[in-house]
PDB file of N, CA and C in Angstrom:
ATOM      1  N   MET A   1       0.837  -1.194   0.000  1.00  0.00           N
ATOM      2  CA  MET A   1       0.000   0.000   0.000  1.00  0.00           C
ATOM      3  C   MET A   1       0.878   1.253   0.000  1.00  0.00           C
ATOM      4  N   GLY A   2       1.840   1.341   0.932  1.00  0.00           N
ATOM      5  CA  GLY A   2       2.678   2.524   1.019  1.00  0.00           C
ATOM      6  C   GLY A   2       3.539   2.725  -0.214  1.00  0.00           C
ATOM      7  N   ASP A   3       4.061   1.619  -0.787  1.00  0.00           N
ATOM      8  CA  ASP A   3       4.892   1.735  -1.976  1.00  0.00           C
ATOM      9  C   ASP A   3       4.101   2.311  -3.139  1.00  0.00           C
ATOM     10  N   ARG A   4       2.884   1.852  -3.307  1.00  0.00           N
ATOM     11  CA  ARG A   4       2.036   2.345  -4.394  1.00  0.00           C
ATOM     12  C   ARG A   4       1.732   3.824  -4.218  1.00  0.00           C
ATOM     13  N   LEU A   5       1.552   4.249  -2.978  1.00  0.00           N
ATOM     14  CA  LEU A   5       1.245   5.652  -2.705  1.00  0.00           C
ATOM     15  C   LEU A   5       2.490   6.519  -2.698  1.00  0.00           C
ATOM     16  N   GLY A   6       3.648   5.903  -2.541  1.00  0.00           N
ATOM     17  CA  GLY A   6       4.884   6.672  -2.479  1.00  0.00           C
ATOM     18  C   GLY A   6       4.958   7.550  -1.248  1.00  0.00           C
ATOM     19  N   LEU A   7       4.455   7.057  -0.115  1.00  0.00           N
ATOM     20  CA  LEU A   7       4.490   7.840   1.122  1.00  0.00           C
ATOM     21  C   LEU A   7       5.890   7.840   1.710  1.00  0.00           C
ATOM     22  N   GLY A   8       6.263   8.972   2.273  1.00  0.00           N
ATOM     23  CA  GLY A   8       7.550   9.085   2.931  1.00  0.00           C
ATOM     24  C   GLY A   8       7.570  10.246   3.894  1.00  0.00           C
ATOM     25  N   ALA A   9       8.570  10.251   4.743  1.00  0.00           N
ATOM     26  CA  ALA A   9       8.747  11.319   5.721  1.00  0.00           C
ATOM     27  C   ALA A   9      10.093  11.992   5.481  1.00  0.00           C
ATOM     28  N   THR A  10      10.077  13.309   5.427  1.00  0.00           N
ATOM     29  CA  THR A  10      11.305  14.093   5.323  1.00  0.00           C
ATOM     30  C   THR A  10      11.285  15.141   6.423  1.00  0.00           C
ATOM     31  N   GLU A  11      12.413  15.804   6.616  1.00  0.00           N
ATOM     32  CA  GLU A  11      12.533  16.875   7.602  1.00  0.00           C
ATOM     33  C   GLU A  11      12.063  16.398   8.982  1.00  0.00           C
ATOM     34  N   VAL A  12      12.506  15.204   9.383  1.00  0.00           N
ATOM     35  CA  VAL A  12      12.136  14.645  10.682  1.00  0.00           C
ATOM     36  C   VAL A  12      12.891  15.399  11.765  1.00  0.00           C
ATOM     37  N   GLU A  13      12.155  15.910  12.749  1.00  0.00           N
ATOM     38  CA  GLU A  13      12.745  16.671  13.853  1.00  0.00           C
ATOM     39  C   GLU A  13      12.222  16.137  15.173  1.00  0.00           C
ATOM     40  N   HIS A  14      13.150  15.843  16.080  1.00  0.00           N
ATOM     41  CA  HIS A  14      12.773  15.408  17.425  1.00  0.00           C
ATOM     42  C   HIS A  14      12.600  16.666  18.273  1.00  0.00           C
ATOM     43  N   ASN A  15      11.408  16.880  18.786  1.00  0.00           N
ATOM     44  CA  ASN A  15      11.064  18.105  19.495  1.00  0.00           C
ATOM     45  C   ASN A  15      11.644  18.111  20.908  1.00  0.00           C
ATOM     46  N   ALA A  16      12.064  19.280  21.366  1.00  0.00           N
ATOM     47  CA  ALA A  16      12.728  19.424  22.661  1.00  0.00           C
ATOM     48  C   ALA A  16      11.855  18.938  23.818  1.00  0.00           C
ATOM     49  N   GLY A  17      10.569  19.184  23.781  1.00  0.00           N
ATOM     50  CA  GLY A  17       9.677  18.782  24.861  1.00  0.00           C
ATOM     51  C   GLY A  17       9.127  17.379  24.699  1.00  0.00           C
ATOM     52  N   GLY A  18       9.637  16.641  23.739  1.00  0.00           N
ATOM     53  CA  GLY A  18       9.129  15.312  23.430  1.00  0.00           C
ATOM     54  C   GLY A  18       8.321  15.353  22.154  1.00  0.00           C
ATOM     55  N   GLY A  19       8.155  14.227  21.563  1.00  0.00           N
ATOM     56  CA  GLY A  19       7.419  14.142  20.309  1.00  0.00           C
ATOM     57  C   GLY A  19       8.342  14.316  19.120  1.00  0.00           C
ATOM     58  N   VAL A  20       7.769  14.195  17.957  1.00  0.00           N
ATOM     59  CA  VAL A  20       8.535  14.291  16.712  1.00  0.00           C
ATOM     60  C   VAL A  20       7.648  14.927  15.639  1.00  0.00           C
ATOM     61  N   SER A  21       8.269  15.703  14.761  1.00  0.00           N
ATOM     62  CA  SER A  21       7.562  16.331  13.643  1.00  0.00           C
ATOM     63  C   SER A  21       8.222  15.883  12.349  1.00  0.00           C
ATOM     64  N   TYR A  22       7.431  15.803  11.296  1.00  0.00           N
ATOM     65  CA  TYR A  22       7.981  15.449   9.992  1.00  0.00           C
ATOM     66  C   TYR A  22       7.084  15.992   8.891  1.00  0.00           C
ATOM     67  N   THR A  23       7.623  16.030   7.682  1.00  0.00           N
ATOM     68  CA  THR A  23       6.857  16.420   6.519  1.00  0.00           C
ATOM     69  C   THR A  23       6.396  15.154   5.803  1.00  0.00           C
ATOM     70  N   LEU A  24       5.097  15.024   5.621  1.00  0.00           N
ATOM     71  CA  LEU A  24       4.503  13.903   4.907  1.00  0.00           C
ATOM     72  C   LEU A  24       4.580  14.190   3.409  1.00  0.00           C
ATOM     73  N   ASN A  25       5.153  13.251   2.669  1.00  0.00           N
ATOM     74  CA  ASN A  25       5.274  13.372   1.217  1.00  0.00           C
ATOM     75  C   ASN A  25       4.564  12.208   0.555  1.00  0.00           C
ATOM     76  N   MET A  26       3.938  12.485  -0.582  1.00  0.00           N
ATOM     77  CA  MET A  26       3.311  11.440  -1.380  1.00  0.00           C
ATOM     78  C   MET A  26       3.781  11.606  -2.819  1.00  0.00           C
ATOM     79  N   LYS A  27       4.413  10.570  -3.340  1.00  0.00           N
ATOM     80  CA  LYS A  27       4.957  10.580  -4.702  1.00  0.00           C
ATOM     81  C   LYS A  27       5.844  11.795  -4.929  1.00  0.00           C
ATOM     82  N   GLY A  28       6.685  12.098  -3.922  1.00  0.00           N
ATOM     83  CA  GLY A  28       7.641  13.186  -4.025  1.00  0.00           C
ATOM     84  C   GLY A  28       7.076  14.575  -3.802  1.00  0.00           C
ATOM     85  N   GLU A  29       5.794  14.683  -3.539  1.00  0.00           N
ATOM     86  CA  GLU A  29       5.156  15.982  -3.331  1.00  0.00           C
ATOM     87  C   GLU A  29       4.864  16.191  -1.844  1.00  0.00           C
ATOM     88  N   ARG A  30       5.198  17.395  -1.352  1.00  0.00           N
ATOM     89  CA  ARG A  30       4.933  17.725   0.046  1.00  0.00           C
ATOM     90  C   ARG A  30       3.426  17.808   0.250  1.00  0.00           C
ATOM     91  N   ILE A  31       2.921  17.057   1.250  1.00  0.00           N
ATOM     92  CA  ILE A  31       1.486  17.032   1.513  1.00  0.00           C
ATOM     93  C   ILE A  31       1.138  17.849   2.755  1.00  0.00           C
ATOM     94  N   GLU A  32       1.829  17.571   3.856  1.00  0.00           N
ATOM     95  CA  GLU A  32       1.431  18.182   5.130  1.00  0.00           C
ATOM     96  C   GLU A  32       2.562  18.045   6.138  1.00  0.00           C
ATOM     97  N   ARG A  33       2.665  19.005   7.048  1.00  0.00           N
ATOM     98  CA  ARG A  33       3.593  18.905   8.181  1.00  0.00           C
ATOM     99  C   ARG A  33       2.849  18.192   9.304  1.00  0.00           C
ATOM    100  N   MET A  34       3.437  17.131   9.832  1.00  0.00           N
ATOM    101  CA  MET A  34       2.807  16.314  10.857  1.00  0.00           C
ATOM    102  C   MET A  34       3.584  16.459  12.166  1.00  0.00           C
ATOM    103  N   THR A  35       2.882  16.510  13.294  1.00  0.00           N
ATOM    104  CA  THR A  35       3.513  16.548  14.608  1.00  0.00           C
ATOM    105  C   THR A  35       2.882  15.479  15.481  1.00  0.00           C
ATOM    106  N   LEU A  36       3.729  14.632  16.050  1.00  0.00           N
ATOM    107  CA  LEU A  36       3.277  13.555  16.921  1.00  0.00           C
ATOM    108  C   LEU A  36       3.632  13.890  18.361  1.00  0.00           C
ATOM    109  N   SER A  37       2.801  13.474  19.289  1.00  0.00           N
ATOM    110  CA  SER A  37       3.067  13.745  20.708  1.00  0.00           C
ATOM    111  C   SER A  37       4.020  12.724  21.312  1.00  0.00           C
ATOM    112  N   VAL A  38       4.352  11.689  20.561  1.00  0.00           N
ATOM    113  CA  VAL A  38       5.253  10.648  21.041  1.00  0.00           C
ATOM    114  C   VAL A  38       6.546  10.701  20.231  1.00  0.00           C
ATOM    115  N   SER A  39       7.630  10.275  20.851  1.00  0.00           N
ATOM    116  CA  SER A  39       8.938  10.324  20.217  1.00  0.00           C
ATOM    117  C   SER A  39       9.273   8.995  19.554  1.00  0.00           C
ATOM    118  N   GLY A  40      10.262   9.021  18.707  1.00  0.00           N
ATOM    119  CA  GLY A  40      10.792   7.803  18.111  1.00  0.00           C
ATOM    120  C   GLY A  40      10.464   7.684  16.637  1.00  0.00           C
ATOM    121  N   GLU A  41      11.470   7.239  15.885  1.00  0.00           N
ATOM    122  CA  GLU A  41      11.271   7.075  14.452  1.00  0.00           C
ATOM    123  C   GLU A  41      10.261   5.977  14.148  1.00  0.00           C
ATOM    124  N   HIS A  42      10.129   5.000  15.049  1.00  0.00           N
ATOM    125  CA  HIS A  42       9.120   3.953  14.842  1.00  0.00           C
ATOM    126  C   HIS A  42       7.715   4.547  14.861  1.00  0.00           C
ATOM    127  N   ASN A  43       7.510   5.627  15.617  1.00  0.00           N
ATOM    128  CA  ASN A  43       6.203   6.280  15.634  1.00  0.00           C
ATOM    129  C   ASN A  43       5.958   7.055  14.343  1.00  0.00           C
ATOM    130  N   VAL A  44       7.017   7.546  13.710  1.00  0.00           N
ATOM    131  CA  VAL A  44       6.873   8.164  12.387  1.00  0.00           C
ATOM    132  C   VAL A  44       6.398   7.098  11.398  1.00  0.00           C
ATOM    133  N   LEU A  45       7.002   5.906  11.460  1.00  0.00           N
ATOM    134  CA  LEU A  45       6.577   4.809  10.578  1.00  0.00           C
ATOM    135  C   LEU A  45       5.129   4.412  10.854  1.00  0.00           C
ATOM    136  N   ASN A  46       4.748   4.350  12.133  1.00  0.00           N
ATOM    137  CA  ASN A  46       3.354   4.048  12.491  1.00  0.00           C
ATOM    138  C   ASN A  46       2.412   5.098  11.904  1.00  0.00           C
ATOM    139  N   SER A  47       2.825   6.351  11.987  1.00  0.00           N
ATOM    140  CA  SER A  47       2.012   7.437  11.464  1.00  0.00           C
ATOM    141  C   SER A  47       1.873   7.337   9.941  1.00  0.00           C
ATOM    142  N   LEU A  48       2.964   6.988   9.265  1.00  0.00           N
ATOM    143  CA  LEU A  48       2.899   6.810   7.813  1.00  0.00           C
ATOM    144  C   LEU A  48       1.932   5.690   7.453  1.00  0.00           C
ATOM    145  N   ALA A  49       1.950   4.611   8.226  1.00  0.00           N
ATOM    146  CA  ALA A  49       1.020   3.502   7.980  1.00  0.00           C
ATOM    147  C   ALA A  49      -0.421   3.957   8.180  1.00  0.00           C
ATOM    148  N   ALA A  50      -0.653   4.760   9.212  1.00  0.00           N
ATOM    149  CA  ALA A  50      -2.007   5.277   9.462  1.00  0.00           C
ATOM    150  C   ALA A  50      -2.450   6.192   8.326  1.00  0.00           C
ATOM    151  N   CYS A  51      -1.535   7.013   7.815  1.00  0.00           N
ATOM    152  CA  CYS A  51      -1.856   7.897   6.691  1.00  0.00           C
ATOM    153  C   CYS A  51      -2.195   7.087   5.449  1.00  0.00           C
ATOM    154  N   ALA A  52      -1.438   6.018   5.202  1.00  0.00           N
ATOM    155  CA  ALA A  52      -1.708   5.163   4.035  1.00  0.00           C
ATOM    156  C   ALA A  52      -3.075   4.502   4.162  1.00  0.00           C
ATOM    157  N   ALA A  53      -3.378   3.973   5.349  1.00  0.00           N
ATOM    158  CA  ALA A  53      -4.680   3.324   5.561  1.00  0.00           C
ATOM    159  C   ALA A  53      -5.816   4.327   5.392  1.00  0.00           C
ATOM    160  N   ALA A  54      -5.650   5.516   5.959  1.00  0.00           N
ATOM    161  CA  ALA A  54      -6.684   6.549   5.840  1.00  0.00           C
ATOM    162  C   ALA A  54      -6.899   6.933   4.380  1.00  0.00           C
ATOM    163  N   HIS A  55      -5.804   7.082   3.649  1.00  0.00           N
ATOM    164  CA  HIS A  55      -5.916   7.437   2.227  1.00  0.00           C
ATOM    165  C   HIS A  55      -6.706   6.379   1.470  1.00  0.00           C
ATOM    166  N   GLU A  56      -6.410   5.116   1.734  1.00  0.00           N
ATOM    167  CA  GLU A  56      -7.103   4.020   1.058  1.00  0.00           C
ATOM    168  C   GLU A  56      -8.601   4.012   1.382  1.00  0.00           C
ATOM    169  N   MET A  57      -8.970   4.494   2.586  1.00  0.00           N
ATOM    170  CA  MET A  57     -10.380   4.527   2.993  1.00  0.00           C
ATOM    171  C   MET A  57     -11.063   5.839   2.645  1.00  0.00           C
ATOM    172  N   GLY A  58     -10.323   6.754   2.006  1.00  0.00           N
ATOM    173  CA  GLY A  58     -10.908   8.027   1.599  1.00  0.00           C
ATOM    174  C   GLY A  58     -11.018   9.040   2.722  1.00  0.00           C
ATOM    175  N   ILE A  59     -10.261   8.855   3.793  1.00  0.00           N
ATOM    176  CA  ILE A  59     -10.284   9.784   4.932  1.00  0.00           C
ATOM    177  C   ILE A  59      -9.270  10.891   4.660  1.00  0.00           C
ATOM    178  N   PRO A  60      -9.693  12.152   4.717  1.00  0.00           N
ATOM    179  CA  PRO A  60      -8.771  13.259   4.440  1.00  0.00           C
ATOM    180  C   PRO A  60      -7.687  13.385   5.517  1.00  0.00           C
ATOM    181  N   ILE A  61      -6.529  13.878   5.107  1.00  0.00           N
ATOM    182  CA  ILE A  61      -5.382  14.007   6.008  1.00  0.00           C
ATOM    183  C   ILE A  61      -5.708  14.904   7.209  1.00  0.00           C
ATOM    184  N   GLU A  62      -6.615  15.852   7.036  1.00  0.00           N
ATOM    185  CA  GLU A  62      -6.990  16.734   8.142  1.00  0.00           C
ATOM    186  C   GLU A  62      -7.582  15.924   9.300  1.00  0.00           C
ATOM    187  N   LYS A  63      -8.309  14.872   8.967  1.00  0.00           N
ATOM    188  CA  LYS A  63      -8.888  14.006  10.008  1.00  0.00           C
ATOM    189  C   LYS A  63      -7.805  13.173  10.682  1.00  0.00           C
ATOM    190  N   VAL A  64      -6.806  12.754   9.910  1.00  0.00           N
ATOM    191  CA  VAL A  64      -5.709  11.959  10.472  1.00  0.00           C
ATOM    192  C   VAL A  64      -4.908  12.800  11.453  1.00  0.00           C
ATOM    193  N   LYS A  65      -4.783  14.081  11.176  1.00  0.00           N
ATOM    194  CA  LYS A  65      -3.997  14.976  12.034  1.00  0.00           C
ATOM    195  C   LYS A  65      -4.680  15.297  13.354  1.00  0.00           C
ATOM    196  N   MET A  66      -5.977  15.081  13.456  1.00  0.00           N
ATOM    197  CA  MET A  66      -6.699  15.415  14.681  1.00  0.00           C
ATOM    198  C   MET A  66      -6.237  14.515  15.813  1.00  0.00           C
ATOM    199  N   PRO A  67      -5.932  15.073  16.988  1.00  0.00           N
ATOM    200  CA  PRO A  67      -5.507  14.228  18.098  1.00  0.00           C
ATOM    201  C   PRO A  67      -6.643  13.350  18.600  1.00  0.00           C
ATOM    202  N   SER A  68      -6.305  12.148  18.956  1.00  0.00           N
ATOM    203  CA  SER A  68      -7.293  11.221  19.499  1.00  0.00           C
ATOM    204  C   SER A  68      -7.606  11.593  20.942  1.00  0.00           C
ATOM    205  N   PRO A  69      -8.875  11.607  21.331  1.00  0.00           N
ATOM    206  CA  PRO A  69      -9.203  11.894  22.735  1.00  0.00           C
ATOM    207  C   PRO A  69      -8.761  10.762  23.654  1.00  0.00           C
ATOM    208  N   TYR A  70      -8.401   9.617  23.075  1.00  0.00           N
ATOM    209  CA  TYR A  70      -7.984   8.467  23.876  1.00  0.00           C
ATOM    210  C   TYR A  70      -6.483   8.388  24.069  1.00  0.00           C
ATOM    211  N   SER A  71      -5.740   9.205  23.354  1.00  0.00           N
ATOM    212  CA  SER A  71      -4.282   9.165  23.436  1.00  0.00           C
ATOM    213  C   SER A  71      -3.777  10.331  24.264  1.00  0.00           C
ATOM    214  N   LYS A  72      -3.016  10.018  25.255  1.00  0.00           N
ATOM    215  CA  LYS A  72      -2.417  11.057  26.092  1.00  0.00           C
ATOM    216  C   LYS A  72      -0.912  11.133  25.878  1.00  0.00           C
ATOM    217  N   GLY A  73      -0.400  10.401  24.900  1.00  0.00           N
ATOM    218  CA  GLY A  73       1.025  10.435  24.609  1.00  0.00           C
ATOM    219  C   GLY A  73       1.820   9.472  25.465  1.00  0.00           C
ATOM    220  N   GLN A  74       3.116   9.600  25.351  1.00  0.00           N
ATOM    221  CA  GLN A  74       4.052   8.678  25.984  1.00  0.00           C
ATOM    222  C   GLN A  74       3.940   8.684  27.503  1.00  0.00           C
ATOM    223  N   ASN A  75       3.769   9.833  28.120  1.00  0.00           N
ATOM    224  CA  ASN A  75       3.741   9.891  29.583  1.00  0.00           C
ATOM    225  C   ASN A  75       2.593   9.083  30.168  1.00  0.00           C
ATOM    226  N   ALA A  76       1.441   9.137  29.557  1.00  0.00           N
ATOM    227  CA  ALA A  76       0.301   8.362  30.052  1.00  0.00           C
ATOM    228  C   ALA A  76       0.562   6.869  29.896  1.00  0.00           C
ATOM    229  N   ALA A  77       1.189   6.479  28.791  1.00  0.00           N
ATOM    230  CA  ALA A  77       1.498   5.063  28.582  1.00  0.00           C
ATOM    231  C   ALA A  77       2.467   4.568  29.643  1.00  0.00           C
ATOM    232  N   CYS A  78       3.406   5.388  30.015  1.00  0.00           N
ATOM    233  CA  CYS A  78       4.369   4.986  31.048  1.00  0.00           C
ATOM    234  C   CYS A  78       3.694   4.856  32.409  1.00  0.00           C
ATOM    235  N   ARG A  79       2.753   5.709  32.700  1.00  0.00           N
ATOM    236  CA  ARG A  79       2.066   5.647  33.992  1.00  0.00           C
ATOM    237  C   ARG A  79       1.197   4.399  34.091  1.00  0.00           C
ATOM    238  N   ARG A  80       0.631   3.969  32.961  1.00  0.00           N
ATOM    239  CA  ARG A  80      -0.257   2.807  32.983  1.00  0.00           C
ATOM    240  C   ARG A  80       0.498   1.489  33.008  1.00  0.00           C
ATOM    241  N   TRP A  81       1.735   1.469  32.572  1.00  0.00           N
ATOM    242  CA  TRP A  81       2.484   0.219  32.439  1.00  0.00           C
ATOM    243  C   TRP A  81       2.536  -0.508  33.764  1.00  0.00           C
ATOM    244  N   GLY A  82       1.900  -1.644  33.835  1.00  0.00           N
ATOM    245  CA  GLY A  82       1.907  -2.453  35.039  1.00  0.00           C
ATOM    246  C   GLY A  82       1.179  -1.816  36.206  1.00  0.00           C
ATOM    247  N   GLY A  83       0.447  -0.757  35.954  1.00  0.00           N
ATOM    248  CA  GLY A  83      -0.251  -0.084  37.043  1.00  0.00           C
ATOM    249  C   GLY A  83       0.680   0.675  37.975  1.00  0.00           C
ATOM    250  N   LEU A  84       1.943   0.757  37.621  1.00  0.00           N
ATOM    251  CA  LEU A  84       2.942   1.431  38.467  1.00  0.00           C
ATOM    252  C   LEU A  84       3.485   2.649  37.740  1.00  0.00           C
ATOM    253  N   ARG A  85       4.066   3.529  38.499  1.00  0.00           N
ATOM    254  CA  ARG A  85       4.718   4.684  37.891  1.00  0.00           C
ATOM    255  C   ARG A  85       6.176   4.349  37.668  1.00  0.00           C
ATOM    256  N   HIS A  86       6.555   4.268  36.403  1.00  0.00           N
ATOM    257  CA  HIS A  86       7.925   3.966  36.037  1.00  0.00           C
ATOM    258  C   HIS A  86       8.415   5.040  35.091  1.00  0.00           C
ATOM    259  N   PRO A  87       9.690   5.370  35.161  1.00  0.00           N
ATOM    260  CA  PRO A  87      10.229   6.311  34.173  1.00  0.00           C
ATOM    261  C   PRO A  87      10.304   5.636  32.812  1.00  0.00           C
ATOM    262  N   CYS A  88      10.108   6.426  31.788  1.00  0.00           N
ATOM    263  CA  CYS A  88      10.238   5.898  30.431  1.00  0.00           C
ATOM    264  C   CYS A  88      11.707   5.848  30.053  1.00  0.00           C
ATOM    265  N   ILE A  89      12.057   4.837  29.305  1.00  0.00           N
ATOM    266  CA  ILE A  89      13.448   4.697  28.865  1.00  0.00           C
ATOM    267  C   ILE A  89      13.522   5.102  27.415  1.00  0.00           C
TER     268      ILE A  89
END
């Protein structure tokens, strides 16, 4: 799916307060600047997969960019892990 769409990320920047931003490209054309509340290049790949799936279902990128009310980012995930408060590594 992604290969056919030619999705890619350029200008990847790890944000000082956490999270990562990148430019979403499709077939070499700049589509949108994306900002994630979680860090890590694997999350950029996850985001690209979500963009590809949304595109295939006809969901506009503006909807993909909307934050989920169920996601609180990395800090919430760390607090829930095992029901204990652990620092994230």
